[in-house]
Every structure is written in structure tokens, then in C-alpha cells.
Amino acid sequence: MSGRVVITGQGVICPLGETPAALLDSLRSARSGISLWQSPDLKKTFPGGLVGREVRPRRRQVAL
């Protein structure tokens, strides 16, 4: 095993925020990520946490 370390990044995607700073702010403010969601297929309302956008991976390469 090699002694090398690779840091792949830091990030978060959740109903409380899409960045580590936004998540921390939501947690400190005691905001909930759970809300009511209307299912278009089942015609019912469910409690759930939703991410408000399409999730696409972001990649950045850093030379060391």
C-alpha cells in the first residue's frame, strides 16, 4: 500500500443546502429539509426531502 493521499473534494447535495456552507447555515438555523410533496403519479401527498435541481457531477482537477 502506498502512503499517498488523494482528496477528491468536498460537497453536499441535500434538501438543506447544496454546499457545505449552506448546509451548515441550515443546521445552525434549525431549518427542516422535510416538506410535503405531491406525487403526480399517485395523487397523494407525502412528507419528504427534495433536492430542488437536477444533480450533475462537478469535477475539477488540481495540480499538486
PDB file of N, CA and C in Angstrom:
ATOM      1  N   MET A   1       0.839  -1.171   0.000  1.00  0.00           N
ATOM      2  CA  MET A   1       0.000   0.000   0.000  1.00  0.00           C
ATOM      3  C   MET A   1       0.889   1.241   0.000  1.00  0.00           C
ATOM      4  N   SER A   2       0.514   2.222  -0.779  1.00  0.00           N
ATOM      5  CA  SER A   2       1.273   3.465  -0.897  1.00  0.00           C
ATOM      6  C   SER A   2       0.872   4.448   0.202  1.00  0.00           C
ATOM      7  N   GLY A   3       1.726   5.384   0.532  1.00  0.00           N
ATOM      8  CA  GLY A   3       1.436   6.392   1.543  1.00  0.00           C
ATOM      9  C   GLY A   3       0.826   7.654   0.950  1.00  0.00           C
ATOM     10  N   ARG A   4       0.368   7.593  -0.294  1.00  0.00           N
ATOM     11  CA  ARG A   4      -0.208   8.768  -0.949  1.00  0.00           C
ATOM     12  C   ARG A   4      -1.662   8.950  -0.569  1.00  0.00           C
ATOM     13  N   VAL A   5      -2.104  10.183  -0.543  1.00  0.00           N
ATOM     14  CA  VAL A   5      -3.494  10.525  -0.230  1.00  0.00           C
ATOM     15  C   VAL A   5      -4.066  11.320  -1.394  1.00  0.00           C
ATOM     16  N   VAL A   6      -5.281  11.011  -1.783  1.00  0.00           N
ATOM     17  CA  VAL A   6      -5.971  11.754  -2.832  1.00  0.00           C
ATOM     18  C   VAL A   6      -7.236  12.342  -2.230  1.00  0.00           C
ATOM     19  N   ILE A   7      -7.354  13.649  -2.301  1.00  0.00           N
ATOM     20  CA  ILE A   7      -8.561  14.327  -1.835  1.00  0.00           C
ATOM     21  C   ILE A   7      -9.441  14.558  -3.053  1.00  0.00           C
ATOM     22  N   THR A   8     -10.625  13.971  -3.035  1.00  0.00           N
ATOM     23  CA  THR A   8     -11.491  14.044  -4.208  1.00  0.00           C
ATOM     24  C   THR A   8     -12.432  15.233  -4.165  1.00  0.00           C
ATOM     25  N   GLY A   9     -12.564  15.880  -3.042  1.00  0.00           N
ATOM     26  CA  GLY A   9     -13.408  17.071  -2.983  1.00  0.00           C
ATOM     27  C   GLY A   9     -14.288  17.083  -1.763  1.00  0.00           C
ATOM     28  N   GLN A  10     -15.002  18.155  -1.628  1.00  0.00           N
ATOM     29  CA  GLN A  10     -15.934  18.327  -0.525  1.00  0.00           C
ATOM     30  C   GLN A  10     -17.213  18.875  -1.111  1.00  0.00           C
ATOM     31  N   GLY A  11     -18.316  18.290  -0.761  1.00  0.00           N
ATOM     32  CA  GLY A  11     -19.577  18.770  -1.280  1.00  0.00           C
ATOM     33  C   GLY A  11     -20.745  18.102  -0.595  1.00  0.00           C
ATOM     34  N   VAL A  12     -21.916  18.614  -0.879  1.00  0.00           N
ATOM     35  CA  VAL A  12     -23.137  18.077  -0.303  1.00  0.00           C
ATOM     36  C   VAL A  12     -24.289  18.409  -1.243  1.00  0.00           C
ATOM     37  N   ILE A  13     -25.194  17.477  -1.369  1.00  0.00           N
ATOM     38  CA  ILE A  13     -26.432  17.711  -2.108  1.00  0.00           C
ATOM     39  C   ILE A  13     -27.550  17.149  -1.249  1.00  0.00           C
ATOM     40  N   CYS A  14     -28.337  18.023  -0.679  1.00  0.00           N
ATOM     41  CA  CYS A  14     -29.444  17.577   0.181  1.00  0.00           C
ATOM     42  C   CYS A  14     -30.490  18.683   0.246  1.00  0.00           C
ATOM     43  N   PRO A  15     -31.653  18.404   0.811  1.00  0.00           N
ATOM     44  CA  PRO A  15     -32.705  19.419   0.896  1.00  0.00           C
ATOM     45  C   PRO A  15     -32.339  20.625   1.762  1.00  0.00           C
ATOM     46  N   LEU A  16     -31.327  20.506   2.608  1.00  0.00           N
ATOM     47  CA  LEU A  16     -30.930  21.619   3.464  1.00  0.00           C
ATOM     48  C   LEU A  16     -29.935  22.562   2.806  1.00  0.00           C
ATOM     49  N   GLY A  17     -29.356  22.182   1.698  1.00  0.00           N
ATOM     50  CA  GLY A  17     -28.390  23.037   1.020  1.00  0.00           C
ATOM     51  C   GLY A  17     -27.561  22.251   0.032  1.00  0.00           C
ATOM     52  N   GLU A  18     -27.005  22.965  -0.930  1.00  0.00           N
ATOM     53  CA  GLU A  18     -26.219  22.299  -1.969  1.00  0.00           C
ATOM     54  C   GLU A  18     -24.724  22.559  -1.833  1.00  0.00           C
ATOM     55  N   THR A  19     -24.346  23.237  -0.771  1.00  0.00           N
ATOM     56  CA  THR A  19     -22.931  23.466  -0.483  1.00  0.00           C
ATOM     57  C   THR A  19     -22.705  23.208   0.998  1.00  0.00           C
ATOM     58  N   PRO A  20     -21.488  22.920   1.401  1.00  0.00           N
ATOM     59  CA  PRO A  20     -21.230  22.725   2.831  1.00  0.00           C
ATOM     60  C   PRO A  20     -21.626  23.951   3.661  1.00  0.00           C
ATOM     61  N   ALA A  21     -21.387  25.155   3.147  1.00  0.00           N
ATOM     62  CA  ALA A  21     -21.742  26.373   3.887  1.00  0.00           C
ATOM     63  C   ALA A  21     -23.256  26.515   4.042  1.00  0.00           C
ATOM     64  N   ALA A  22     -24.013  26.229   2.975  1.00  0.00           N
ATOM     65  CA  ALA A  22     -25.477  26.317   3.045  1.00  0.00           C
ATOM     66  C   ALA A  22     -26.043  25.268   4.001  1.00  0.00           C
ATOM     67  N   LEU A  23     -25.479  24.073   3.989  1.00  0.00           N
ATOM     68  CA  LEU A  23     -25.919  23.024   4.905  1.00  0.00           C
ATOM     69  C   LEU A  23     -25.662  23.437   6.348  1.00  0.00           C
ATOM     70  N   LEU A  24     -24.482  23.938   6.637  1.00  0.00           N
ATOM     71  CA  LEU A  24     -24.149  24.360   7.989  1.00  0.00           C
ATOM     72  C   LEU A  24     -25.062  25.487   8.451  1.00  0.00           C
ATOM     73  N   ASP A  25     -25.351  26.443   7.570  1.00  0.00           N
ATOM     74  CA  ASP A  25     -26.262  27.535   7.907  1.00  0.00           C
ATOM     75  C   ASP A  25     -27.662  27.009   8.219  1.00  0.00           C
ATOM     76  N   SER A  26     -28.152  26.060   7.427  1.00  0.00           N
ATOM     77  CA  SER A  26     -29.478  25.473   7.672  1.00  0.00           C
ATOM     78  C   SER A  26     -29.513  24.732   8.999  1.00  0.00           C
ATOM     79  N   LEU A  27     -28.455  23.988   9.305  1.00  0.00           N
ATOM     80  CA  LEU A  27     -28.411  23.258  10.569  1.00  0.00           C
ATOM     81  C   LEU A  27     -28.372  24.216  11.755  1.00  0.00           C
ATOM     82  N   ARG A  28     -27.571  25.276  11.647  1.00  0.00           N
ATOM     83  CA  ARG A  28     -27.496  26.268  12.732  1.00  0.00           C
ATOM     84  C   ARG A  28     -28.807  27.019  12.922  1.00  0.00           C
ATOM     85  N   SER A  29     -29.568  27.196  11.844  1.00  0.00           N
ATOM     86  CA  SER A  29     -30.852  27.900  11.908  1.00  0.00           C
ATOM     87  C   SER A  29     -32.011  26.967  12.219  1.00  0.00           C
ATOM     88  N   ALA A  30     -31.726  25.682  12.418  1.00  0.00           N
ATOM     89  CA  ALA A  30     -32.744  24.661  12.734  1.00  0.00           C
ATOM     90  C   ALA A  30     -33.820  24.567  11.657  1.00  0.00           C
ATOM     91  N   ARG A  31     -33.439  24.773  10.382  1.00  0.00           N
ATOM     92  CA  ARG A  31     -34.390  24.609   9.279  1.00  0.00           C
ATOM     93  C   ARG A  31     -34.594  23.129   9.003  1.00  0.00           C
ATOM     94  N   SER A  32     -35.789  22.798   8.562  1.00  0.00           N
ATOM     95  CA  SER A  32     -36.103  21.423   8.198  1.00  0.00           C
ATOM     96  C   SER A  32     -35.966  21.248   6.689  1.00  0.00           C
ATOM     97  N   GLY A  33     -35.495  20.095   6.279  1.00  0.00           N
ATOM     98  CA  GLY A  33     -35.430  19.778   4.862  1.00  0.00           C
ATOM     99  C   GLY A  33     -36.628  18.967   4.403  1.00  0.00           C
ATOM    100  N   ILE A  34     -37.572  18.735   5.312  1.00  0.00           N
ATOM    101  CA  ILE A  34     -38.758  17.927   5.004  1.00  0.00           C
ATOM    102  C   ILE A  34     -39.939  18.850   4.724  1.00  0.00           C
ATOM    103  N   SER A  35     -40.621  18.589   3.638  1.00  0.00           N
ATOM    104  CA  SER A  35     -41.838  19.323   3.302  1.00  0.00           C
ATOM    105  C   SER A  35     -42.816  18.350   2.651  1.00  0.00           C
ATOM    106  N   LEU A  36     -44.012  18.821   2.363  1.00  0.00           N
ATOM    107  CA  LEU A  36     -44.998  17.966   1.708  1.00  0.00           C
ATOM    108  C   LEU A  36     -44.769  17.990   0.208  1.00  0.00           C
ATOM    109  N   TRP A  37     -44.803  16.820  -0.391  1.00  0.00           N
ATOM    110  CA  TRP A  37     -44.575  16.644  -1.822  1.00  0.00           C
ATOM    111  C   TRP A  37     -45.771  15.948  -2.422  1.00  0.00           C
ATOM    112  N   GLN A  38     -46.333  16.511  -3.481  1.00  0.00           N
ATOM    113  CA  GLN A  38     -47.482  15.930  -4.170  1.00  0.00           C
ATOM    114  C   GLN A  38     -46.981  15.008  -5.270  1.00  0.00           C
ATOM    115  N   SER A  39     -47.300  13.719  -5.160  1.00  0.00           N
ATOM    116  CA  SER A  39     -46.895  12.763  -6.181  1.00  0.00           C
ATOM    117  C   SER A  39     -47.793  12.914  -7.405  1.00  0.00           C
ATOM    118  N   PRO A  40     -47.215  13.193  -8.574  1.00  0.00           N
ATOM    119  CA  PRO A  40     -48.044  13.334  -9.773  1.00  0.00           C
ATOM    120  C   PRO A  40     -48.650  12.015 -10.231  1.00  0.00           C
ATOM    121  N   ASP A  41     -48.009  10.903  -9.893  1.00  0.00           N
ATOM    122  CA  ASP A  41     -48.498   9.598 -10.334  1.00  0.00           C
ATOM    123  C   ASP A  41     -49.513   8.993  -9.384  1.00  0.00           C
ATOM    124  N   LEU A  42     -49.326   9.188  -8.084  1.00  0.00           N
ATOM    125  CA  LEU A  42     -50.184   8.536  -7.096  1.00  0.00           C
ATOM    126  C   LEU A  42     -51.299   9.430  -6.563  1.00  0.00           C
ATOM    127  N   LYS A  43     -51.275  10.710  -6.928  1.00  0.00           N
ATOM    128  CA  LYS A  43     -52.289  11.667  -6.469  1.00  0.00           C
ATOM    129  C   LYS A  43     -52.374  11.705  -4.943  1.00  0.00           C
ATOM    130  N   LYS A  44     -51.227  11.577  -4.289  1.00  0.00           N
ATOM    131  CA  LYS A  44     -51.154  11.640  -2.831  1.00  0.00           C
ATOM    132  C   LYS A  44     -50.050  12.600  -2.435  1.00  0.00           C
ATOM    133  N   THR A  45     -50.125  13.067  -1.195  1.00  0.00           N
ATOM    134  CA  THR A  45     -49.102  13.940  -0.649  1.00  0.00           C
ATOM    135  C   THR A  45     -48.269  13.155   0.347  1.00  0.00           C
ATOM    136  N   PHE A  46     -46.949  13.274   0.239  1.00  0.00           N
ATOM    137  CA  PHE A  46     -46.024  12.564   1.116  1.00  0.00           C
ATOM    138  C   PHE A  46     -45.053  13.551   1.748  1.00  0.00           C
ATOM    139  N   PRO A  47     -44.638  13.307   2.987  1.00  0.00           N
ATOM    140  CA  PRO A  47     -43.539  14.108   3.532  1.00  0.00           C
ATOM    141  C   PRO A  47     -42.230  13.612   2.930  1.00  0.00           C
ATOM    142  N   GLY A  48     -41.365  14.524   2.563  1.00  0.00           N
ATOM    143  CA  GLY A  48     -40.090  14.102   2.003  1.00  0.00           C
ATOM    144  C   GLY A  48     -39.137  15.265   1.854  1.00  0.00           C
ATOM    145  N   GLY A  49     -37.883  14.942   1.708  1.00  0.00           N
ATOM    146  CA  GLY A  49     -36.854  15.942   1.463  1.00  0.00           C
ATOM    147  C   GLY A  49     -36.482  15.911  -0.007  1.00  0.00           C
ATOM    148  N   LEU A  50     -36.606  17.037  -0.676  1.00  0.00           N
ATOM    149  CA  LEU A  50     -36.352  17.089  -2.110  1.00  0.00           C
ATOM    150  C   LEU A  50     -35.189  18.023  -2.417  1.00  0.00           C
ATOM    151  N   VAL A  51     -34.369  17.628  -3.358  1.00  0.00           N
ATOM    152  CA  VAL A  51     -33.316  18.491  -3.870  1.00  0.00           C
ATOM    153  C   VAL A  51     -33.929  19.279  -5.007  1.00  0.00           C
ATOM    154  N   GLY A  52     -33.780  20.594  -4.986  1.00  0.00           N
ATOM    155  CA  GLY A  52     -34.508  21.461  -5.901  1.00  0.00           C
ATOM    156  C   GLY A  52     -33.949  21.608  -7.294  1.00  0.00           C
ATOM    157  N   ARG A  53     -33.025  20.771  -7.708  1.00  0.00           N
ATOM    158  CA  ARG A  53     -32.494  20.903  -9.069  1.00  0.00           C
ATOM    159  C   ARG A  53     -31.974  19.560  -9.540  1.00  0.00           C
ATOM    160  N   GLU A  54     -31.692  19.496 -10.838  1.00  0.00           N
ATOM    161  CA  GLU A  54     -31.077  18.292 -11.399  1.00  0.00           C
ATOM    162  C   GLU A  54     -29.630  18.218 -10.908  1.00  0.00           C
ATOM    163  N   VAL A  55     -29.221  17.050 -10.491  1.00  0.00           N
ATOM    164  CA  VAL A  55     -27.886  16.879  -9.935  1.00  0.00           C
ATOM    165  C   VAL A  55     -26.929  16.421 -11.029  1.00  0.00           C
ATOM    166  N   ARG A  56     -25.896  17.218 -11.252  1.00  0.00           N
ATOM    167  CA  ARG A  56     -24.851  16.867 -12.217  1.00  0.00           C
ATOM    168  C   ARG A  56     -23.519  16.889 -11.487  1.00  0.00           C
ATOM    169  N   PRO A  57     -22.698  15.909 -11.728  1.00  0.00           N
ATOM    170  CA  PRO A  57     -21.395  15.911 -11.052  1.00  0.00           C
ATOM    171  C   PRO A  57     -20.537  17.088 -11.518  1.00  0.00           C
ATOM    172  N   ARG A  58     -19.853  17.702 -10.554  1.00  0.00           N
ATOM    173  CA  ARG A  58     -18.913  18.771 -10.860  1.00  0.00           C
ATOM    174  C   ARG A  58     -17.518  18.247 -10.583  1.00  0.00           C
ATOM    175  N   ARG A  59     -16.644  18.379 -11.562  1.00  0.00           N
ATOM    176  CA  ARG A  59     -15.283  17.868 -11.398  1.00  0.00           C
ATOM    177  C   ARG A  59     -14.295  18.984 -11.674  1.00  0.00           C
ATOM    178  N   ARG A  60     -13.248  18.978 -10.874  1.00  0.00           N
ATOM    179  CA  ARG A  60     -12.183  19.945 -11.068  1.00  0.00           C
ATOM    180  C   ARG A  60     -10.877  19.256 -10.726  1.00  0.00           C
ATOM    181  N   GLN A  61      -9.909  19.395 -11.579  1.00  0.00           N
ATOM    182  CA  GLN A  61      -8.613  18.764 -11.342  1.00  0.00           C
ATOM    183  C   GLN A  61      -7.649  19.839 -10.865  1.00  0.00           C
ATOM    184  N   VAL A  62      -6.924  19.515  -9.813  1.00  0.00           N
ATOM    185  CA  VAL A  62      -5.965  20.447  -9.244  1.00  0.00           C
ATOM    186  C   VAL A  62      -4.589  19.815  -9.292  1.00  0.00           C
ATOM    187  N   ALA A  63      -3.636  20.541  -9.860  1.00  0.00           N
ATOM    188  CA  ALA A  63      -2.261  20.040  -9.908  1.00  0.00           C
ATOM    189  C   ALA A  63      -1.587  20.320  -8.564  1.00  0.00           C
ATOM    190  N   LEU A  64      -0.882  19.322  -8.043  1.00  0.00           N
ATOM    191  CA  LEU A  64      -0.175  19.489  -6.779  1.00  0.00           C
ATOM    192  C   LEU A  64       1.301  19.664  -7.007  1.00  0.00           C
TER     193      LEU A  64
END
